[in-house]
Each structure stands twice: as C-alpha cells, then as structure tokens.
Protein backbone atom coordinates (compact mmCIF):
# COMPACT_ATOMS: atom_id res chain seq x y z
CA MET A 1 5.72 7.68 2.39
CA ALA A 2 9.02 8.01 0.57
CA GLU A 3 10.67 10.02 3.67
CA TRP A 4 10.04 7.84 6.23
CA ALA A 5 11.74 5.35 4.24
CA GLY A 6 14.60 7.27 4.09
CA HIS A 7 14.19 7.11 0.75
CA SER A 8 13.64 9.36 -2.65
CA VAL A 9 9.49 9.03 -4.24
CA GLU A 10 11.39 7.20 -7.53
CA VAL A 11 14.31 4.52 -5.65
CA LEU A 12 10.47 4.20 -3.54
CA LEU A 13 9.17 2.83 -7.01
CA LYS A 14 11.77 0.66 -8.16
CA ILE A 15 12.77 -1.30 -5.47
CA TYR A 16 8.45 -1.43 -4.05
CA ALA A 17 6.73 -0.79 -6.36
CA LYS A 18 6.67 -4.48 -6.81
CA CYS A 19 5.18 -5.40 -3.69
CA LEU A 20 2.33 -3.47 -4.42
CA ASP A 21 1.27 -5.01 -8.04
CA GLY A 22 -1.79 -6.63 -7.91
CA LYS A 23 -2.64 -6.33 -3.87
CA ALA A 24 -4.70 -3.12 -4.07
CA ALA A 25 -8.22 -4.35 -3.67
CA ALA A 26 -6.38 -7.28 -0.51
CA VAL A 27 -4.67 -4.45 1.01
CA ARG A 28 -8.28 -1.71 0.83
CA GLN A 29 -10.05 -4.98 2.50
CA ARG A 30 -8.31 -5.32 5.10
CA VAL A 31 -8.01 -1.37 6.20
CA GLU A 32 -11.44 -1.44 5.48
CA ALA A 33 -11.86 -4.64 7.93
CA ALA A 34 -10.01 -2.95 10.05
CA LEU A 35 -12.35 0.31 10.54
CA GLY A 36 -15.27 -1.92 10.67
CA HIS A 37 -16.77 -1.22 7.36
CA ARG A 38 -18.76 -3.84 5.67
CA PRO A 39 -18.90 -4.82 2.20
CA GLY A 40 -21.23 -3.17 0.14
C-alpha cells in the first residue's frame, strides 16, 4: 500500500493509520459482502 501511494511505510502509518483506527470490523464486513460471504 505504501508503495502504491508513493510513501514510505513510516509516512503511511503516520498519516493514514488514524483513518483506519476502529474501522477494521466495518471494512471486513464490506469486503465480505462484496465477495458474497454471509455472516455466521
């Protein structure tokens, strides 16, 4: 991801990690829904 964004890993974590904090469960649900997985 860092390479794709054109940043070092350190910069990626410093700038963007706060955007992801607490969102992992919601992101996981969206990805699973897009892949057709059902909760259970």
